[in-house]
Amino acid sequence: MSVIRTDPLTGFTTIFAPERAKRPIAIAKTAAFDEDIKVQIETDPFAEGKESETTSEVYAVRTSQSEPNQPGWSLRVVANKYPALIPSNDPSSDQNSYGVHEVIVECPQFETQVTRLGLSQFQEIFHAYRNRVAVHRCDPQLNYVIIFKNQGILGGASLGHAHSQLVASQVVPESLSQELETARRYLEQHENSLFSTFSQEMPSGFSGLVTSTTHFNVVCPYASRFAFETWIVPRTLRTHFDDSTDQELDDLAQTSRRLLLALEEILGSHDFNYVIQTPPFDATEESGYAWSLRIYPRLAHLAGFELSTNMFINPVFPEQAIKHLKKQLGP
């Protein structure tokens, strides 16, 4: 039976249609990802030893004996050579067009699956994220930053080498503005954060909680747009990601790695996106908003219905996803 749900935070509407899971799907992969693996390795611009093929690094984790923009690193952050937004101090330019677009190269060797990286590498990734967000917070021309990872064709990746991206701008997306307003109104009406309800049982009996760690709750949203969509939410309901402590980041690294491995065990090797959604720099603790890491498995293309209606069709109820994930992760 199909069921329609609307997410209380995002306002997105999802049609849950289990019968859709039975339809045959044939996806033609693009030539870029059908290339021989040897060719991909030979042409990989992010590989160690090819530092001259990227812009100069703005952050790196490297051995004490190594030099910037030379081999000897385990993680590098560089400006995107093909940026969506371009830093410009030209006073005649539109302030809204000013921005930063960076690439976080997550390992020195060619690796397409981030789940094959070790825990220490995951820790380096999240510590790098915090550093870059904190740096851009100091720029008075910027008010918003988003960190995202695209893995695979359906995830929108243009290069196979494991990497993620950061985009910072003055413009706050309308969808985030709506989330902020919803969170503010909920706090006013209920005197607690809407984010605190994600791990609690709703009047309908639904509880999104998959598991908890020292610092985080892992939840599946009530109106998940994608099959097995999963969020990691700080139990402190901390507003800004870059205020996270070292202990929280290390917990996040372990939790996200375990979760991605669990999803891989359930779904097989698959494309996905993850996003660290953190509010604008000027958001206060009184906003009722908490940052979150949101994982979107991409098992099928978005098609005409989704693009034209901004509604989504999901063949897997979150209750089913929670059941499978609990088997992998434990209570």
C-alpha atoms as a PDB file:
ATOM      1  CA  MET A   1       0.000   0.000   0.000  1.00  0.00           C
ATOM      2  CA  SER A   2       1.311   3.450  -0.906  1.00  0.00           C
ATOM      3  CA  VAL A   3       1.612   6.028   1.879  1.00  0.00           C
ATOM      4  CA  ILE A   4       2.318   9.773   1.625  1.00  0.00           C
ATOM      5  CA  ARG A   5       4.341  11.487   4.347  1.00  0.00           C
ATOM      6  CA  THR A   6       5.674  15.031   4.807  1.00  0.00           C
ATOM      7  CA  ASP A   7       8.854  15.634   6.758  1.00  0.00           C
ATOM      8  CA  PRO A   8       8.273  17.907   9.785  1.00  0.00           C
ATOM      9  CA  LEU A   9      11.623  19.707   9.336  1.00  0.00           C
ATOM     10  CA  THR A  10      12.297  19.946   5.608  1.00  0.00           C
ATOM     11  CA  GLY A  11       8.694  20.014   4.403  1.00  0.00           C
ATOM     12  CA  PHE A  12       9.575  17.530   1.642  1.00  0.00           C
ATOM     13  CA  THR A  13       6.801  15.123   0.701  1.00  0.00           C
ATOM     14  CA  THR A  14       7.566  11.467  -0.023  1.00  0.00           C
ATOM     15  CA  ILE A  15       5.354   8.791  -1.521  1.00  0.00           C
ATOM     16  CA  PHE A  16       6.285   5.408  -0.095  1.00  0.00           C
ATOM     17  CA  ALA A  17       5.565   2.842  -2.802  1.00  0.00           C
ATOM     18  CA  PRO A  18       6.947  -0.618  -1.934  1.00  0.00           C
ATOM     19  CA  GLU A  19       5.757  -2.065  -5.244  1.00  0.00           C
ATOM     20  CA  ARG A  20       8.279   0.140  -7.027  1.00  0.00           C
ATOM     21  CA  ALA A  21      11.086  -2.002  -5.622  1.00  0.00           C
ATOM     22  CA  LYS A  22       9.953  -4.859  -7.899  1.00  0.00           C
ATOM     23  CA  ARG A  23      10.375  -2.966 -11.179  1.00  0.00           C
ATOM     24  CA  PRO A  24      13.289  -3.902 -13.477  1.00  0.00           C
ATOM     25  CA  ILE A  25      15.997  -1.268 -13.683  1.00  0.00           C
ATOM     26  CA  ALA A  26      18.770  -1.033 -16.237  1.00  0.00           C
ATOM     27  CA  ILE A  27      21.199   1.861 -15.816  1.00  0.00           C
ATOM     28  CA  ALA A  28      23.760   2.620 -18.492  1.00  0.00           C
ATOM     29  CA  LYS A  29      26.997   3.805 -16.928  1.00  0.00           C
ATOM     30  CA  THR A  30      28.862   6.743 -18.415  1.00  0.00           C
ATOM     31  CA  ALA A  31      32.056   6.241 -20.367  1.00  0.00           C
ATOM     32  CA  ALA A  32      34.106   7.992 -17.679  1.00  0.00           C
ATOM     33  CA  PHE A  33      33.285   5.233 -15.203  1.00  0.00           C
ATOM     34  CA  ASP A  34      33.552   2.408 -17.730  1.00  0.00           C
ATOM     35  CA  GLU A  35      37.198   3.187 -18.407  1.00  0.00           C
ATOM     36  CA  ASP A  36      39.737   0.546 -17.570  1.00  0.00           C
ATOM     37  CA  ILE A  37      40.864   0.966 -13.971  1.00  0.00           C
ATOM     38  CA  LYS A  38      44.461   1.287 -15.168  1.00  0.00           C
ATOM     39  CA  VAL A  39      43.527   4.327 -17.273  1.00  0.00           C
ATOM     40  CA  GLN A  40      41.750   5.941 -14.318  1.00  0.00           C
ATOM     41  CA  ILE A  41      44.812   5.471 -12.136  1.00  0.00           C
ATOM     42  CA  GLU A  42      47.174   6.830 -14.794  1.00  0.00           C
ATOM     43  CA  THR A  43      45.073   9.964 -15.329  1.00  0.00           C
ATOM     44  CA  ASP A  44      44.158  10.554 -11.671  1.00  0.00           C
ATOM     45  CA  PRO A  45      44.913  14.235 -10.888  1.00  0.00           C
ATOM     46  CA  PHE A  46      44.449  13.722  -7.136  1.00  0.00           C
ATOM     47  CA  ALA A  47      47.093  11.003  -6.747  1.00  0.00           C
ATOM     48  CA  GLU A  48      50.204  11.503  -4.659  1.00  0.00           C
ATOM     49  CA  GLY A  49      53.014  12.683  -6.933  1.00  0.00           C
ATOM     50  CA  LYS A  50      50.661  14.722  -9.127  1.00  0.00           C
ATOM     51  CA  GLU A  51      50.372  17.714  -6.825  1.00  0.00           C
ATOM     52  CA  SER A  52      51.201  20.059  -9.720  1.00  0.00           C
ATOM     53  CA  GLU A  53      47.931  19.054 -11.401  1.00  0.00           C
ATOM     54  CA  THR A  54      45.864  20.705  -8.669  1.00  0.00           C
ATOM     55  CA  THR A  55      45.843  24.211  -7.251  1.00  0.00           C
ATOM     56  CA  SER A  56      48.097  24.883  -4.263  1.00  0.00           C
ATOM     57  CA  GLU A  57      46.972  23.183  -1.073  1.00  0.00           C
ATOM     58  CA  VAL A  58      45.297  25.294   1.595  1.00  0.00           C
ATOM     59  CA  TYR A  59      45.374  22.538   4.214  1.00  0.00           C
ATOM     60  CA  ALA A  60      47.110  19.177   4.414  1.00  0.00           C
ATOM     61  CA  VAL A  61      47.936  16.314   6.724  1.00  0.00           C
ATOM     62  CA  ARG A  62      51.487  15.314   5.844  1.00  0.00           C
ATOM     63  CA  THR A  63      54.714  13.967   7.319  1.00  0.00           C
ATOM     64  CA  SER A  64      56.948  16.446   9.122  1.00  0.00           C
ATOM     65  CA  GLN A  65      59.724  15.891   6.573  1.00  0.00           C
ATOM     66  CA  SER A  66      57.553  16.687   3.544  1.00  0.00           C
ATOM     67  CA  GLU A  67      57.036  20.044   1.849  1.00  0.00           C
ATOM     68  CA  PRO A  68      53.731  21.680   0.844  1.00  0.00           C
ATOM     69  CA  ASN A  69      52.469  20.626  -2.594  1.00  0.00           C
ATOM     70  CA  GLN A  70      54.864  17.688  -2.635  1.00  0.00           C
ATOM     71  CA  PRO A  71      54.413  13.962  -1.860  1.00  0.00           C
ATOM     72  CA  GLY A  72      54.239  12.846   1.772  1.00  0.00           C
ATOM     73  CA  TRP A  73      50.604  13.676   2.569  1.00  0.00           C
ATOM     74  CA  SER A  74      47.616  11.602   3.656  1.00  0.00           C
ATOM     75  CA  LEU A  75      44.955  14.304   3.007  1.00  0.00           C
ATOM     76  CA  ARG A  76      44.971  17.557   1.016  1.00  0.00           C
ATOM     77  CA  VAL A  77      42.522  20.423   0.583  1.00  0.00           C
ATOM     78  CA  VAL A  78      42.814  22.460  -2.606  1.00  0.00           C
ATOM     79  CA  ALA A  79      40.729  25.064  -4.390  1.00  0.00           C
ATOM     80  CA  ASN A  80      38.524  23.503  -7.061  1.00  0.00           C
ATOM     81  CA  LYS A  81      40.004  24.158 -10.520  1.00  0.00           C
ATOM     82  CA  TYR A  82      36.479  24.414 -11.917  1.00  0.00           C
ATOM     83  CA  PRO A  83      34.648  26.265  -9.139  1.00  0.00           C
ATOM     84  CA  ALA A  84      30.944  26.944  -8.847  1.00  0.00           C
ATOM     85  CA  LEU A  85      31.780  30.223  -7.072  1.00  0.00           C
ATOM     86  CA  ILE A  86      34.951  32.264  -7.470  1.00  0.00           C
ATOM     87  CA  PRO A  87      36.629  34.415  -4.791  1.00  0.00           C
ATOM     88  CA  SER A  88      36.888  37.963  -6.109  1.00  0.00           C
ATOM     89  CA  ASN A  89      37.677  41.183  -4.306  1.00  0.00           C
ATOM     90  CA  ASP A  90      36.513  43.275  -7.235  1.00  0.00           C
ATOM     91  CA  PRO A  91      34.225  45.905  -5.619  1.00  0.00           C
ATOM     92  CA  SER A  92      32.173  46.109  -8.815  1.00  0.00           C
ATOM     93  CA  SER A  93      31.256  42.411  -8.728  1.00  0.00           C
ATOM     94  CA  ASP A  94      27.999  41.133  -7.299  1.00  0.00           C
ATOM     95  CA  GLN A  95      28.567  40.216  -3.647  1.00  0.00           C
ATOM     96  CA  ASN A  96      26.243  37.246  -4.023  1.00  0.00           C
ATOM     97  CA  SER A  97      28.549  35.739  -6.642  1.00  0.00           C
ATOM     98  CA  TYR A  98      31.482  35.710  -4.237  1.00  0.00           C
ATOM     99  CA  GLY A  99      32.320  32.351  -2.738  1.00  0.00           C
ATOM    100  CA  VAL A 100      34.744  29.521  -2.117  1.00  0.00           C
ATOM    101  CA  HIS A 101      34.804  26.045  -3.650  1.00  0.00           C
ATOM    102  CA  GLU A 102      37.314  23.545  -2.251  1.00  0.00           C
ATOM    103  CA  VAL A 103      38.093  19.866  -2.772  1.00  0.00           C
ATOM    104  CA  ILE A 104      39.078  17.597   0.117  1.00  0.00           C
ATOM    105  CA  VAL A 105      41.246  14.804  -1.343  1.00  0.00           C
ATOM    106  CA  GLU A 106      40.717  12.044   1.192  1.00  0.00           C
ATOM    107  CA  CYS A 107      43.652   9.718   0.474  1.00  0.00           C
ATOM    108  CA  PRO A 108      46.873   9.766  -1.586  1.00  0.00           C
ATOM    109  CA  GLN A 109      46.224   6.517  -3.485  1.00  0.00           C
ATOM    110  CA  PHE A 110      43.520   5.912  -6.095  1.00  0.00           C
ATOM    111  CA  GLU A 111      40.469   4.639  -4.207  1.00  0.00           C
ATOM    112  CA  THR A 112      36.863   4.953  -5.314  1.00  0.00           C
ATOM    113  CA  GLN A 113      35.165   3.587  -2.174  1.00  0.00           C
ATOM    114  CA  VAL A 114      35.519   5.702   0.953  1.00  0.00           C
ATOM    115  CA  THR A 115      34.522   2.650   3.029  1.00  0.00           C
ATOM    116  CA  ARG A 116      37.926   1.148   2.206  1.00  0.00           C
ATOM    117  CA  LEU A 117      39.660   3.903   4.152  1.00  0.00           C
ATOM    118  CA  GLY A 118      40.647   3.245   7.751  1.00  0.00           C
ATOM    119  CA  LEU A 119      39.283   4.896  10.873  1.00  0.00           C
ATOM    120  CA  SER A 120      42.285   7.218  11.227  1.00  0.00           C
ATOM    121  CA  GLN A 121      41.666   8.475   7.681  1.00  0.00           C
ATOM    122  CA  PHE A 122      38.010   9.151   8.491  1.00  0.00           C
ATOM    123  CA  GLN A 123      39.166  11.110  11.537  1.00  0.00           C
ATOM    124  CA  GLU A 124      41.501  13.197   9.403  1.00  0.00           C
ATOM    125  CA  ILE A 125      38.635  13.942   7.003  1.00  0.00           C
ATOM    126  CA  PHE A 126      36.277  15.274   9.675  1.00  0.00           C
ATOM    127  CA  HIS A 127      38.995  17.270  11.403  1.00  0.00           C
ATOM    128  CA  ALA A 128      39.824  18.834   8.020  1.00  0.00           C
ATOM    129  CA  TYR A 129      36.158  19.734   7.535  1.00  0.00           C
ATOM    130  CA  ARG A 130      36.075  21.547  10.873  1.00  0.00           C
ATOM    131  CA  ASN A 131      39.269  23.444  10.086  1.00  0.00           C
ATOM    132  CA  ARG A 132      37.999  24.678   6.734  1.00  0.00           C
ATOM    133  CA  VAL A 133      34.597  25.747   8.073  1.00  0.00           C
ATOM    134  CA  ALA A 134      36.306  27.670  10.891  1.00  0.00           C
ATOM    135  CA  VAL A 135      38.591  29.403   8.389  1.00  0.00           C
ATOM    136  CA  HIS A 136      35.715  30.541   6.188  1.00  0.00           C
ATOM    137  CA  ARG A 137      33.694  31.702   9.183  1.00  0.00           C
ATOM    138  CA  CYS A 138      36.310  34.466   9.565  1.00  0.00           C
ATOM    139  CA  ASP A 139      35.490  35.880   6.130  1.00  0.00           C
ATOM    140  CA  PRO A 140      32.876  38.647   6.596  1.00  0.00           C
ATOM    141  CA  GLN A 141      31.688  38.145   3.004  1.00  0.00           C
ATOM    142  CA  LEU A 142      30.593  34.569   3.734  1.00  0.00           C
ATOM    143  CA  ASN A 143      27.626  33.390   5.797  1.00  0.00           C
ATOM    144  CA  TYR A 144      27.003  29.802   4.771  1.00  0.00           C
ATOM    145  CA  VAL A 145      29.047  26.677   4.096  1.00  0.00           C
ATOM    146  CA  ILE A 146      28.061  23.206   3.011  1.00  0.00           C
ATOM    147  CA  ILE A 147      30.226  20.089   2.874  1.00  0.00           C
ATOM    148  CA  PHE A 148      29.184  17.267   0.597  1.00  0.00           C
ATOM    149  CA  LYS A 149      30.435  14.014  -0.859  1.00  0.00           C
ATOM    150  CA  ASN A 150      29.416  12.598  -4.240  1.00  0.00           C
ATOM    151  CA  GLN A 151      30.344   8.949  -4.770  1.00  0.00           C
ATOM    152  CA  GLY A 152      29.598   7.152  -8.017  1.00  0.00           C
ATOM    153  CA  ILE A 153      27.629   8.011 -11.132  1.00  0.00           C
ATOM    154  CA  LEU A 154      24.245   8.394  -9.451  1.00  0.00           C
ATOM    155  CA  GLY A 155      25.932  10.462  -6.748  1.00  0.00           C
ATOM    156  CA  GLY A 156      27.195  12.910  -9.371  1.00  0.00           C
ATOM    157  CA  ALA A 157      30.928  12.249  -9.014  1.00  0.00           C
ATOM    158  CA  SER A 158      33.050  13.402 -11.964  1.00  0.00           C
ATOM    159  CA  LEU A 159      36.253  11.734 -10.710  1.00  0.00           C
ATOM    160  CA  GLY A 160      36.619   8.338  -9.079  1.00  0.00           C
ATOM    161  CA  HIS A 161      39.350   9.208  -6.534  1.00  0.00           C
ATOM    162  CA  ALA A 162      37.748   9.517  -3.078  1.00  0.00           C
ATOM    163  CA  HIS A 163      37.113  13.167  -2.347  1.00  0.00           C
ATOM    164  CA  SER A 164      34.526  15.534  -0.934  1.00  0.00           C
ATOM    165  CA  GLN A 165      33.819  19.215  -1.476  1.00  0.00           C
ATOM    166  CA  LEU A 166      33.107  22.434   0.397  1.00  0.00           C
ATOM    167  CA  VAL A 167      31.199  25.399  -0.967  1.00  0.00           C
ATOM    168  CA  ALA A 168      30.892  28.654   0.992  1.00  0.00           C
ATOM    169  CA  SER A 169      28.870  31.708  -0.001  1.00  0.00           C
ATOM    170  CA  GLN A 170      26.887  34.680   1.262  1.00  0.00           C
ATOM    171  CA  VAL A 171      23.639  33.224  -0.060  1.00  0.00           C
ATOM    172  CA  VAL A 172      21.698  30.872   2.213  1.00  0.00           C
ATOM    173  CA  PRO A 173      19.645  28.287   0.255  1.00  0.00           C
ATOM    174  CA  GLU A 174      15.889  28.719   0.515  1.00  0.00           C
ATOM    175  CA  SER A 175      15.460  25.124   1.674  1.00  0.00           C
ATOM    176  CA  LEU A 176      17.780  25.746   4.637  1.00  0.00           C
ATOM    177  CA  SER A 177      16.028  29.021   5.443  1.00  0.00           C
ATOM    178  CA  GLN A 178      12.762  27.070   5.608  1.00  0.00           C
ATOM    179  CA  GLU A 179      14.332  24.496   7.936  1.00  0.00           C
ATOM    180  CA  LEU A 180      15.580  27.276  10.198  1.00  0.00           C
ATOM    181  CA  GLU A 181      12.152  28.900  10.341  1.00  0.00           C
ATOM    182  CA  THR A 182      10.471  25.565  11.093  1.00  0.00           C
ATOM    183  CA  ALA A 183      12.965  24.837  13.868  1.00  0.00           C
ATOM    184  CA  ARG A 184      12.469  28.333  15.335  1.00  0.00           C
ATOM    185  CA  ARG A 185       8.677  28.042  15.368  1.00  0.00           C
ATOM    186  CA  TYR A 186       8.823  24.573  16.920  1.00  0.00           C
ATOM    187  CA  LEU A 187      11.113  25.830  19.689  1.00  0.00           C
ATOM    188  CA  GLU A 188       8.745  28.708  20.425  1.00  0.00           C
ATOM    189  CA  GLN A 189       5.711  26.433  20.586  1.00  0.00           C
ATOM    190  CA  HIS A 190       7.187  23.430  22.404  1.00  0.00           C
ATOM    191  CA  GLU A 191      10.205  24.871  24.246  1.00  0.00           C
ATOM    192  CA  ASN A 192      12.476  22.131  22.926  1.00  0.00           C
ATOM    193  CA  SER A 193      14.290  21.480  19.676  1.00  0.00           C
ATOM    194  CA  LEU A 194      12.554  19.722  16.809  1.00  0.00           C
ATOM    195  CA  PHE A 195      15.818  17.828  16.306  1.00  0.00           C
ATOM    196  CA  SER A 196      15.374  16.214  19.720  1.00  0.00           C
ATOM    197  CA  THR A 197      12.201  14.519  18.482  1.00  0.00           C
ATOM    198  CA  PHE A 198      13.924  12.597  15.685  1.00  0.00           C
ATOM    199  CA  SER A 199      15.028   9.863  18.095  1.00  0.00           C
ATOM    200  CA  GLN A 200      11.754   9.818  20.049  1.00  0.00           C
ATOM    201  CA  GLU A 201       8.502   8.010  19.356  1.00  0.00           C
ATOM    202  CA  MET A 202       5.948  10.104  17.475  1.00  0.00           C
ATOM    203  CA  PRO A 203       2.204  10.030  18.281  1.00  0.00           C
ATOM    204  CA  SER A 204       1.818   7.716  15.281  1.00  0.00           C
ATOM    205  CA  GLY A 205       4.168   5.246  16.957  1.00  0.00           C
ATOM    206  CA  PHE A 206       7.062   5.924  14.573  1.00  0.00           C
ATOM    207  CA  SER A 207      10.542   6.237  16.080  1.00  0.00           C
ATOM    208  CA  GLY A 208      13.426   7.059  13.779  1.00  0.00           C
ATOM    209  CA  LEU A 209      16.176   5.931  16.160  1.00  0.00           C
ATOM    210  CA  VAL A 210      18.574   3.331  14.775  1.00  0.00           C
ATOM    211  CA  THR A 211      21.299   3.495  17.418  1.00  0.00           C
ATOM    212  CA  SER A 212      23.115   5.917  19.723  1.00  0.00           C
ATOM    213  CA  THR A 213      26.752   6.551  20.539  1.00  0.00           C
ATOM    214  CA  THR A 214      28.317   8.712  23.220  1.00  0.00           C
ATOM    215  CA  HIS A 215      27.803  11.855  21.157  1.00  0.00           C
ATOM    216  CA  PHE A 216      25.329  11.030  18.371  1.00  0.00           C
ATOM    217  CA  ASN A 217      21.943   9.590  17.491  1.00  0.00           C
ATOM    218  CA  VAL A 218      21.637   7.747  14.191  1.00  0.00           C
ATOM    219  CA  VAL A 219      18.113   8.153  12.789  1.00  0.00           C
ATOM    220  CA  CYS A 220      16.064   7.478   9.668  1.00  0.00           C
ATOM    221  CA  PRO A 221      13.741  10.403   8.838  1.00  0.00           C
ATOM    222  CA  TYR A 222       9.972   9.906   8.986  1.00  0.00           C
ATOM    223  CA  ALA A 223       9.585  10.946   5.333  1.00  0.00           C
ATOM    224  CA  SER A 224      12.915   9.695   3.946  1.00  0.00           C
ATOM    225  CA  ARG A 225      13.321  10.815   0.342  1.00  0.00           C
ATOM    226  CA  PHE A 226      15.754   8.021  -0.517  1.00  0.00           C
ATOM    227  CA  ALA A 227      15.783   4.336   0.405  1.00  0.00           C
ATOM    228  CA  PHE A 228      17.846   3.925   3.599  1.00  0.00           C
ATOM    229  CA  GLU A 229      18.341   7.685   4.013  1.00  0.00           C
ATOM    230  CA  THR A 230      20.029   8.095   7.391  1.00  0.00           C
ATOM    231  CA  TRP A 231      21.012  11.103   9.504  1.00  0.00           C
ATOM    232  CA  ILE A 232      23.606  11.459  12.253  1.00  0.00           C
ATOM    233  CA  VAL A 233      22.511  14.123  14.763  1.00  0.00           C
ATOM    234  CA  PRO A 234      24.578  15.364  17.764  1.00  0.00           C
ATOM    235  CA  ARG A 235      22.945  14.412  21.054  1.00  0.00           C
ATOM    236  CA  THR A 236      23.949  17.806  22.463  1.00  0.00           C
ATOM    237  CA  LEU A 237      21.981  19.403  19.589  1.00  0.00           C
ATOM    238  CA  ARG A 238      25.026  21.555  18.932  1.00  0.00           C
ATOM    239  CA  THR A 239      24.129  24.310  16.469  1.00  0.00           C
ATOM    240  CA  HIS A 240      27.321  24.666  14.407  1.00  0.00           C
ATOM    241  CA  PHE A 241      29.457  21.835  13.067  1.00  0.00           C
ATOM    242  CA  ASP A 242      32.717  23.724  13.554  1.00  0.00           C
ATOM    243  CA  ASP A 243      32.035  23.951  17.307  1.00  0.00           C
ATOM    244  CA  SER A 244      32.420  20.156  17.549  1.00  0.00           C
ATOM    245  CA  THR A 245      35.090  18.922  19.962  1.00  0.00           C
ATOM    246  CA  ASP A 246      37.893  16.533  19.013  1.00  0.00           C
ATOM    247  CA  GLN A 247      36.065  13.759  20.865  1.00  0.00           C
ATOM    248  CA  GLU A 248      32.866  14.438  18.942  1.00  0.00           C
ATOM    249  CA  LEU A 249      34.680  14.429  15.597  1.00  0.00           C
ATOM    250  CA  ASP A 250      36.399  11.136  16.388  1.00  0.00           C
ATOM    251  CA  ASP A 251      33.038   9.642  17.384  1.00  0.00           C
ATOM    252  CA  LEU A 252      31.514  11.010  14.184  1.00  0.00           C
ATOM    253  CA  ALA A 253      34.298   9.443  12.128  1.00  0.00           C
ATOM    254  CA  GLN A 254      33.727   6.044  13.703  1.00  0.00           C
ATOM    255  CA  THR A 255      29.934   6.294  13.535  1.00  0.00           C
ATOM    256  CA  SER A 256      29.802   7.405   9.901  1.00  0.00           C
ATOM    257  CA  ARG A 257      32.296   4.746   8.841  1.00  0.00           C
ATOM    258  CA  ARG A 258      30.324   2.006  10.588  1.00  0.00           C
ATOM    259  CA  LEU A 259      27.094   3.303   9.078  1.00  0.00           C
ATOM    260  CA  LEU A 260      28.479   3.444   5.536  1.00  0.00           C
ATOM    261  CA  LEU A 261      29.852  -0.084   5.924  1.00  0.00           C
ATOM    262  CA  ALA A 262      26.463  -1.272   7.229  1.00  0.00           C
ATOM    263  CA  LEU A 263      24.686   0.292   4.252  1.00  0.00           C
ATOM    264  CA  GLU A 264      27.179  -1.392   1.930  1.00  0.00           C
ATOM    265  CA  GLU A 265      26.501  -4.733   3.613  1.00  0.00           C
ATOM    266  CA  ILE A 266      22.752  -4.274   3.139  1.00  0.00           C
ATOM    267  CA  LEU A 267      22.672  -2.665  -0.306  1.00  0.00           C
ATOM    268  CA  GLY A 268      25.904  -3.901  -1.835  1.00  0.00           C
ATOM    269  CA  SER A 269      28.324  -1.492  -3.464  1.00  0.00           C
ATOM    270  CA  HIS A 270      26.243   1.574  -4.288  1.00  0.00           C
ATOM    271  CA  ASP A 271      26.477   5.256  -5.134  1.00  0.00           C
ATOM    272  CA  PHE A 272      25.590   7.827  -2.504  1.00  0.00           C
ATOM    273  CA  ASN A 273      25.815  11.399  -1.326  1.00  0.00           C
ATOM    274  CA  TYR A 274      26.393  12.687   2.136  1.00  0.00           C
ATOM    275  CA  VAL A 275      25.989  16.253   3.294  1.00  0.00           C
ATOM    276  CA  ILE A 276      26.981  18.076   6.455  1.00  0.00           C
ATOM    277  CA  GLN A 277      24.125  20.542   6.878  1.00  0.00           C
ATOM    278  CA  THR A 278      25.106  23.310   9.251  1.00  0.00           C
ATOM    279  CA  PRO A 279      23.225  26.602   9.644  1.00  0.00           C
ATOM    280  CA  PRO A 280      24.431  30.051   8.554  1.00  0.00           C
ATOM    281  CA  PHE A 281      27.292  31.493  10.576  1.00  0.00           C
ATOM    282  CA  ASP A 282      24.996  34.051  12.193  1.00  0.00           C
ATOM    283  CA  ALA A 283      22.546  31.450  13.551  1.00  0.00           C
ATOM    284  CA  THR A 284      22.442  31.460  17.352  1.00  0.00           C
ATOM    285  CA  GLU A 285      22.003  28.713  19.920  1.00  0.00           C
ATOM    286  CA  GLU A 286      18.459  30.023  20.421  1.00  0.00           C
ATOM    287  CA  SER A 287      17.520  29.048  16.860  1.00  0.00           C
ATOM    288  CA  GLY A 288      16.556  25.510  17.872  1.00  0.00           C
ATOM    289  CA  TYR A 289      18.620  24.220  14.954  1.00  0.00           C
ATOM    290  CA  ALA A 290      21.275  21.478  15.108  1.00  0.00           C
ATOM    291  CA  TRP A 291      23.784  20.523  12.438  1.00  0.00           C
ATOM    292  CA  SER A 292      23.562  17.012  11.011  1.00  0.00           C
ATOM    293  CA  LEU A 293      25.296  14.619   8.641  1.00  0.00           C
ATOM    294  CA  ARG A 294      22.786  13.240   6.136  1.00  0.00           C
ATOM    295  CA  ILE A 295      23.481  10.158   4.033  1.00  0.00           C
ATOM    296  CA  TYR A 296      21.513   9.637   0.823  1.00  0.00           C
ATOM    297  CA  PRO A 297      21.998   6.239  -0.883  1.00  0.00           C
ATOM    298  CA  ARG A 298      21.414   6.744  -4.603  1.00  0.00           C
ATOM    299  CA  LEU A 299      19.906   3.544  -5.965  1.00  0.00           C
ATOM    300  CA  ALA A 300      18.088   5.145  -8.916  1.00  0.00           C
ATOM    301  CA  HIS A 301      18.094   8.371 -10.904  1.00  0.00           C
ATOM    302  CA  LEU A 302      15.857  11.268  -9.944  1.00  0.00           C
ATOM    303  CA  ALA A 303      13.355  11.444 -12.796  1.00  0.00           C
ATOM    304  CA  GLY A 304      10.681  13.710 -14.225  1.00  0.00           C
ATOM    305  CA  PHE A 305       8.208  13.308 -11.376  1.00  0.00           C
ATOM    306  CA  GLU A 306      10.727  14.284  -8.692  1.00  0.00           C
ATOM    307  CA  LEU A 307      12.190  17.151 -10.701  1.00  0.00           C
ATOM    308  CA  SER A 308       8.827  18.646 -11.597  1.00  0.00           C
ATOM    309  CA  THR A 309       7.006  18.220  -8.276  1.00  0.00           C
ATOM    310  CA  ASN A 310       9.830  18.264  -5.690  1.00  0.00           C
ATOM    311  CA  MET A 311       8.086  15.188  -4.288  1.00  0.00           C
ATOM    312  CA  PHE A 312       9.944  11.908  -4.007  1.00  0.00           C
ATOM    313  CA  ILE A 313       9.062   8.245  -4.486  1.00  0.00           C
ATOM    314  CA  ASN A 314      10.742   5.862  -2.057  1.00  0.00           C
ATOM    315  CA  PRO A 315      10.235   2.060  -2.248  1.00  0.00           C
ATOM    316  CA  VAL A 316      11.544   1.473   1.294  1.00  0.00           C
ATOM    317  CA  PHE A 317       9.733   2.638   4.433  1.00  0.00           C
ATOM    318  CA  PRO A 318      12.109   4.025   7.098  1.00  0.00           C
ATOM    319  CA  GLU A 319      10.719   1.414   9.504  1.00  0.00           C
ATOM    320  CA  GLN A 320      12.154  -1.282   7.215  1.00  0.00           C
ATOM    321  CA  ALA A 321      15.475   0.527   6.886  1.00  0.00           C
ATOM    322  CA  ILE A 322      15.734   0.883  10.674  1.00  0.00           C
ATOM    323  CA  LYS A 323      15.111  -2.824  11.143  1.00  0.00           C
ATOM    324  CA  HIS A 324      17.900  -3.776   8.724  1.00  0.00           C
ATOM    325  CA  LEU A 325      20.345  -1.197  10.097  1.00  0.00           C
ATOM    326  CA  LYS A 326      19.769  -2.300  13.695  1.00  0.00           C
ATOM    327  CA  LYS A 327      20.790  -5.821  12.695  1.00  0.00           C
ATOM    328  CA  GLN A 328      24.071  -4.427  11.389  1.00  0.00           C
ATOM    329  CA  LEU A 329      24.775  -1.762  14.018  1.00  0.00           C
ATOM    330  CA  GLY A 330      23.059  -3.061  17.127  1.00  0.00           C
ATOM    331  CA  PRO A 331      20.676  -1.086  19.390  1.00  0.00           C
END
